[in-house]
Amino acid sequence: MDRPGFMASLVAGGIAGVSVDLILFPLDTIKTRLQSPQGFHKAGGFHGIYAGVPSAAIGSFPNAAAFFITYEYVKWFLHTDSSSYLTPMKHMLAASAGEVVACLIRVPSEVVKQRAQVSASTRTFQIFSNILYEEGIQGLYRGYKSTVLREIPFSLVQFPLWESLKALWSWRQDHVVDSWQSAVCGAFAGGFAAAVTTPLDVAKTRIMLAKAGSSTASGNVLSALHRVWRSQGLAGLFAGVFPRITAISLGGFIFLGTYDQTHSLLLEVGRKSS
């Protein structure tokens, strides 16, 4: 991938990530509290729904930028003809690689953010300091495995579906989709992926919020899912599914639409200035 394409992916991904995380933060807080072990009301209910927003604001740009740089690079590296039956596989591999890299930045931000969301009276920096003091750096990466195990299946559904919907729409209208059309495709793809991966999101939330030293905090996803199933059944596994679908559908619209629009504008500016 050439330098203009590299920089366009970095900046466009970062701007898209900040936009969606800050706009939809209240829905994310509600989802986290619905999934928390103490229950929605004890976790804060509708009060302090911007608790933890500093962590999200700091992590959003580098997290999303890292994802899209990796995603676009792997797509370029695995270049295939657009009509090839291997194209969906290319998108899956690119999205999976992007998630593995992005989670190195996302997980520490997510751990601090989620603990702040269920402890609205505690300041974000204090939560960050407590994690480092009590658990060290590994405390910030608690849930890395469960986050990757959530994000890879999510991306395996979302990105090939997004790319396929864009290709279908382009074919039907005989020209490349506009940014708003890309955003609509992103909303549908994101909402569908959110629904089917909600149990993995519940497991990730429980692992990140568990007390240090507890069996749940060890990070075993299957064990966390089993505990939720035994205590709350199917409803527990899909706790927060509607806020999650809503947030990620809107997020897909904003995130992927903003990314496509910003990426195209930056490439156009780069061509004019060269």
Protein backbone atom coordinates (compact mmCIF):
# COMPACT_ATOMS: atom_id res chain seq x y z
CA MET A 1 0.00 0.00 0.00
CA ASP A 2 1.46 3.41 -1.01
CA ARG A 3 2.08 6.22 1.47
CA PRO A 4 -1.04 8.31 0.53
CA GLY A 5 -3.23 5.22 0.96
CA PHE A 6 -1.53 4.37 4.27
CA MET A 7 -2.04 7.88 5.67
CA ALA A 8 -5.62 8.08 4.39
CA SER A 9 -6.50 4.79 6.12
CA LEU A 10 -4.83 5.94 9.36
CA VAL A 11 -6.56 9.32 9.54
CA ALA A 12 -9.94 8.18 8.18
CA GLY A 13 -10.04 5.21 10.57
CA GLY A 14 -9.13 7.40 13.54
CA ILE A 15 -11.76 10.04 12.76
CA ALA A 16 -14.42 7.38 12.22
CA GLY A 17 -13.56 5.70 15.53
CA VAL A 18 -13.71 8.90 17.59
CA SER A 19 -16.99 9.93 15.92
CA VAL A 20 -18.85 6.72 16.66
CA ASP A 21 -17.47 6.13 20.17
CA LEU A 22 -18.34 9.59 21.46
CA ILE A 23 -21.74 9.88 19.76
CA LEU A 24 -22.95 6.46 20.92
CA PHE A 25 -21.29 6.35 24.34
CA PRO A 26 -24.57 6.49 26.36
CA LEU A 27 -25.92 3.40 24.57
CA ASP A 28 -22.66 1.57 25.30
CA THR A 29 -22.97 2.46 29.00
CA ILE A 30 -26.54 1.13 29.15
CA LYS A 31 -25.45 -2.10 27.42
CA THR A 32 -22.55 -2.58 29.85
CA ARG A 33 -24.80 -2.05 32.88
CA LEU A 34 -27.38 -4.51 31.56
CA GLN A 35 -24.60 -7.11 31.25
CA SER A 36 -22.91 -6.40 34.60
CA PRO A 37 -23.17 -9.08 37.33
CA GLN A 38 -24.75 -6.66 39.86
CA GLY A 39 -27.59 -5.79 37.48
CA PHE A 40 -28.62 -2.63 35.65
CA HIS A 41 -29.89 -0.51 38.56
CA LYS A 42 -27.10 -1.32 41.02
CA ALA A 43 -24.55 -0.61 38.27
CA GLY A 44 -25.93 2.93 37.95
CA GLY A 45 -29.09 2.69 35.86
CA PHE A 46 -29.51 5.78 33.71
CA HIS A 47 -27.35 7.98 35.97
CA GLY A 48 -23.87 9.09 34.93
CA ILE A 49 -24.11 7.57 31.46
CA TYR A 50 -20.95 9.40 30.37
CA ALA A 51 -18.86 7.76 33.11
CA GLY A 52 -15.67 6.44 31.52
CA VAL A 53 -15.84 8.68 28.45
CA PRO A 54 -12.23 9.96 28.89
CA SER A 55 -10.94 6.42 28.43
CA ALA A 56 -13.00 5.97 25.26
CA ALA A 57 -11.92 9.36 23.92
CA ILE A 58 -8.21 8.59 24.41
CA GLY A 59 -8.38 5.08 22.95
CA SER A 60 -10.74 5.66 20.02
CA PHE A 61 -8.43 7.26 17.45
CA PRO A 62 -5.40 4.93 17.75
CA ASN A 63 -7.64 1.86 18.09
CA ALA A 64 -9.68 2.53 14.93
CA ALA A 65 -6.63 3.77 13.02
CA ALA A 66 -4.72 0.58 13.86
CA PHE A 67 -7.66 -1.54 12.69
CA PHE A 68 -8.08 0.14 9.31
CA ILE A 69 -4.36 0.39 8.54
CA THR A 70 -4.09 -3.36 9.11
CA TYR A 71 -7.37 -4.11 7.32
CA GLU A 72 -6.45 -2.16 4.18
CA TYR A 73 -2.86 -3.43 4.16
CA VAL A 74 -3.90 -7.10 4.38
CA LYS A 75 -6.53 -6.55 1.65
CA TRP A 76 -3.81 -5.01 -0.54
CA PHE A 77 -1.33 -7.79 0.32
CA LEU A 78 -3.90 -10.51 -0.52
CA HIS A 79 -5.09 -8.75 -3.67
CA THR A 80 -7.51 -10.81 -5.76
CA ASP A 81 -9.76 -10.04 -8.69
CA SER A 82 -13.02 -8.42 -7.45
CA SER A 83 -15.06 -11.24 -9.03
CA SER A 84 -12.98 -13.97 -7.40
CA TYR A 85 -14.72 -16.41 -5.06
CA LEU A 86 -11.77 -15.83 -2.70
CA THR A 87 -12.74 -12.17 -2.14
CA PRO A 88 -14.92 -12.84 0.98
CA MET A 89 -12.05 -14.90 2.45
CA LYS A 90 -9.68 -11.97 1.83
CA HIS A 91 -12.04 -9.63 3.69
CA MET A 92 -12.36 -12.11 6.58
CA LEU A 93 -8.59 -12.49 6.95
CA ALA A 94 -8.05 -8.73 6.72
CA ALA A 95 -10.72 -8.00 9.34
CA SER A 96 -9.38 -10.69 11.69
CA ALA A 97 -5.83 -9.34 11.44
CA GLY A 98 -7.14 -5.84 12.03
CA GLU A 99 -8.94 -6.89 15.21
CA VAL A 100 -5.92 -8.69 16.68
CA VAL A 101 -3.79 -5.54 16.24
CA ALA A 102 -6.48 -3.06 17.30
CA CYS A 103 -7.27 -5.00 20.50
CA LEU A 104 -3.75 -4.27 21.76
CA ILE A 105 -4.97 -0.67 22.10
CA ARG A 106 -8.69 -1.29 22.63
CA VAL A 107 -8.56 -3.67 25.58
CA PRO A 108 -6.85 -1.40 28.16
CA SER A 109 -9.21 1.42 27.17
CA GLU A 110 -12.20 -0.94 27.38
CA VAL A 111 -11.24 -2.33 30.81
CA VAL A 112 -10.99 1.15 32.33
CA LYS A 113 -14.12 2.39 30.51
CA GLN A 114 -16.33 -0.52 31.58
CA ARG A 115 -15.28 -0.32 35.22
CA ALA A 116 -16.01 3.40 35.17
CA GLN A 117 -19.41 2.74 33.60
CA VAL A 118 -20.50 0.53 36.52
CA SER A 119 -18.82 2.77 39.15
CA ALA A 120 -19.97 6.19 38.03
CA SER A 121 -18.88 7.83 41.30
CA THR A 122 -15.23 6.87 40.75
CA ARG A 123 -13.06 8.97 38.45
CA THR A 124 -11.60 7.34 35.35
CA PHE A 125 -7.98 8.12 36.26
CA GLN A 126 -8.48 6.66 39.73
CA ILE A 127 -9.80 3.43 38.20
CA PHE A 128 -6.79 3.30 35.88
CA SER A 129 -4.41 3.85 38.82
CA ASN A 130 -6.15 1.19 40.94
CA ILE A 131 -5.85 -1.40 38.17
CA LEU A 132 -2.13 -0.73 37.76
CA TYR A 133 -1.56 -0.81 41.54
CA GLU A 134 -3.58 -3.99 42.21
CA GLU A 135 -3.00 -6.02 39.05
CA GLY A 136 -0.21 -4.37 37.10
CA ILE A 137 -0.12 -4.10 33.30
CA GLN A 138 -1.74 -7.53 32.96
CA GLY A 139 -4.82 -6.09 34.69
CA LEU A 140 -5.25 -3.67 31.81
CA TYR A 141 -5.15 -6.60 29.41
CA ARG A 142 -7.61 -8.73 31.32
CA GLY A 143 -10.15 -9.87 28.76
CA TYR A 144 -7.80 -9.52 25.77
CA LYS A 145 -8.45 -13.09 24.70
CA SER A 146 -12.21 -12.80 25.22
CA THR A 147 -12.26 -9.49 23.32
CA VAL A 148 -10.39 -10.99 20.36
CA LEU A 149 -12.70 -14.03 20.48
CA ARG A 150 -15.65 -11.62 20.31
CA GLU A 151 -14.24 -9.28 17.68
CA ILE A 152 -12.99 -11.85 15.19
CA PRO A 153 -16.39 -13.60 14.76
CA PHE A 154 -18.00 -10.14 14.67
CA SER A 155 -15.66 -8.97 11.92
CA LEU A 156 -15.97 -12.28 10.04
CA VAL A 157 -19.67 -11.47 9.72
CA GLN A 158 -19.62 -7.66 9.47
CA PHE A 159 -16.89 -6.84 6.95
CA PRO A 160 -17.55 -9.47 4.25
CA LEU A 161 -21.26 -8.61 4.53
CA TRP A 162 -20.50 -4.87 4.27
CA GLU A 163 -18.22 -5.36 1.26
CA SER A 164 -20.73 -7.72 -0.42
CA LEU A 165 -23.66 -5.33 0.11
CA LYS A 166 -21.62 -2.46 -1.35
CA ALA A 167 -20.64 -4.59 -4.34
CA LEU A 168 -24.27 -5.64 -4.91
CA TRP A 169 -25.54 -2.06 -4.64
CA SER A 170 -22.78 -0.86 -7.00
CA TRP A 171 -23.74 -3.55 -9.50
CA ARG A 172 -27.45 -2.69 -9.31
CA GLN A 173 -26.90 1.05 -9.96
CA ASP A 174 -23.92 0.58 -12.29
CA HIS A 175 -21.54 2.85 -10.33
CA VAL A 176 -19.62 2.81 -7.08
CA VAL A 177 -21.74 3.36 -3.96
CA ASP A 178 -21.88 6.82 -2.40
CA SER A 179 -20.72 7.33 1.20
CA TRP A 180 -24.30 7.34 2.55
CA GLN A 181 -24.99 4.06 0.74
CA SER A 182 -21.83 2.57 2.25
CA ALA A 183 -23.11 3.77 5.63
CA VAL A 184 -26.47 2.02 5.13
CA CYS A 185 -24.66 -1.21 4.23
CA GLY A 186 -22.51 -0.76 7.33
CA ALA A 187 -25.55 -0.31 9.55
CA PHE A 188 -27.17 -3.52 8.33
CA ALA A 189 -23.95 -5.53 8.51
CA GLY A 190 -23.10 -4.20 11.97
CA GLY A 191 -26.56 -4.84 13.43
CA PHE A 192 -26.64 -8.42 12.17
CA ALA A 193 -23.12 -9.14 13.45
CA ALA A 194 -23.98 -7.55 16.82
CA ALA A 195 -26.99 -9.81 17.31
CA VAL A 196 -25.19 -13.09 16.68
CA THR A 197 -22.13 -12.24 18.78
CA THR A 198 -23.92 -10.86 21.88
CA PRO A 199 -23.14 -13.91 24.10
CA LEU A 200 -19.42 -13.39 23.45
CA ASP A 201 -19.84 -9.73 24.38
CA VAL A 202 -21.55 -10.73 27.65
CA ALA A 203 -18.66 -13.08 28.48
CA LYS A 204 -16.13 -10.33 27.74
CA THR A 205 -17.97 -7.86 29.98
CA ARG A 206 -18.19 -10.34 32.88
CA ILE A 207 -14.46 -11.13 32.62
CA MET A 208 -13.47 -7.46 32.58
CA LEU A 209 -15.72 -6.59 35.54
CA ALA A 210 -14.90 -9.63 37.69
CA LYS A 211 -13.01 -9.19 40.95
CA ALA A 212 -9.27 -9.75 40.69
CA GLY A 213 -8.37 -13.33 41.56
CA SER A 214 -11.86 -14.74 40.94
CA SER A 215 -12.37 -17.68 38.61
CA THR A 216 -14.20 -15.46 36.09
CA ALA A 217 -11.26 -13.02 36.03
CA SER A 218 -9.03 -15.81 34.71
CA GLY A 219 -10.46 -15.09 31.27
CA ASN A 220 -11.98 -18.45 30.33
CA VAL A 221 -14.74 -17.53 27.88
CA LEU A 222 -16.54 -20.89 27.92
CA SER A 223 -16.54 -20.89 31.72
CA ALA A 224 -17.95 -17.36 31.81
CA LEU A 225 -20.67 -18.30 29.33
CA HIS A 226 -21.53 -21.41 31.35
CA ARG A 227 -21.90 -19.37 34.56
CA VAL A 228 -24.23 -16.90 32.85
CA TRP A 229 -26.25 -19.76 31.34
CA ARG A 230 -26.64 -21.48 34.71
CA SER A 231 -27.65 -18.34 36.57
CA GLN A 232 -29.71 -16.46 33.98
CA GLY A 233 -30.32 -18.80 31.06
CA LEU A 234 -30.73 -17.60 27.47
CA ALA A 235 -31.87 -14.15 28.61
CA GLY A 236 -28.53 -13.67 30.41
CA LEU A 237 -26.52 -14.68 27.35
CA PHE A 238 -28.35 -12.05 25.29
CA ALA A 239 -28.43 -9.33 27.97
CA GLY A 240 -28.14 -5.91 26.38
CA VAL A 241 -28.78 -7.28 22.89
CA PHE A 242 -31.13 -4.46 21.83
CA PRO A 243 -28.90 -1.56 22.97
CA ARG A 244 -25.99 -3.44 21.36
CA ILE A 245 -27.80 -3.88 18.03
CA THR A 246 -28.97 -0.25 18.12
CA ALA A 247 -25.53 1.11 19.02
CA ILE A 248 -23.65 -1.01 16.49
CA SER A 249 -26.18 -0.42 13.69
CA LEU A 250 -25.89 3.32 14.24
CA GLY A 251 -22.18 2.83 14.80
CA GLY A 252 -21.82 0.92 11.54
CA PHE A 253 -23.65 3.72 9.73
CA ILE A 254 -21.45 6.45 11.25
CA PHE A 255 -18.19 4.46 11.43
CA LEU A 256 -18.10 2.91 7.97
CA GLY A 257 -19.81 5.86 6.29
CA THR A 258 -17.38 8.33 7.88
CA TYR A 259 -14.46 6.09 7.01
CA ASP A 260 -15.42 5.80 3.33
CA GLN A 261 -16.14 9.53 3.02
CA THR A 262 -12.96 10.66 4.81
CA HIS A 263 -10.80 8.08 3.01
CA SER A 264 -12.09 9.22 -0.40
CA LEU A 265 -11.60 12.91 0.44
CA LEU A 266 -8.04 12.36 1.68
CA LEU A 267 -7.10 10.35 -1.41
CA GLU A 268 -8.61 13.08 -3.62
CA VAL A 269 -6.66 15.78 -1.79
CA GLY A 270 -3.52 13.67 -2.14
CA ARG A 271 -4.02 13.29 -5.90
CA LYS A 272 -4.56 17.04 -6.38
CA SER A 273 -1.51 17.97 -4.36
CA SER A 274 0.82 15.51 -6.12
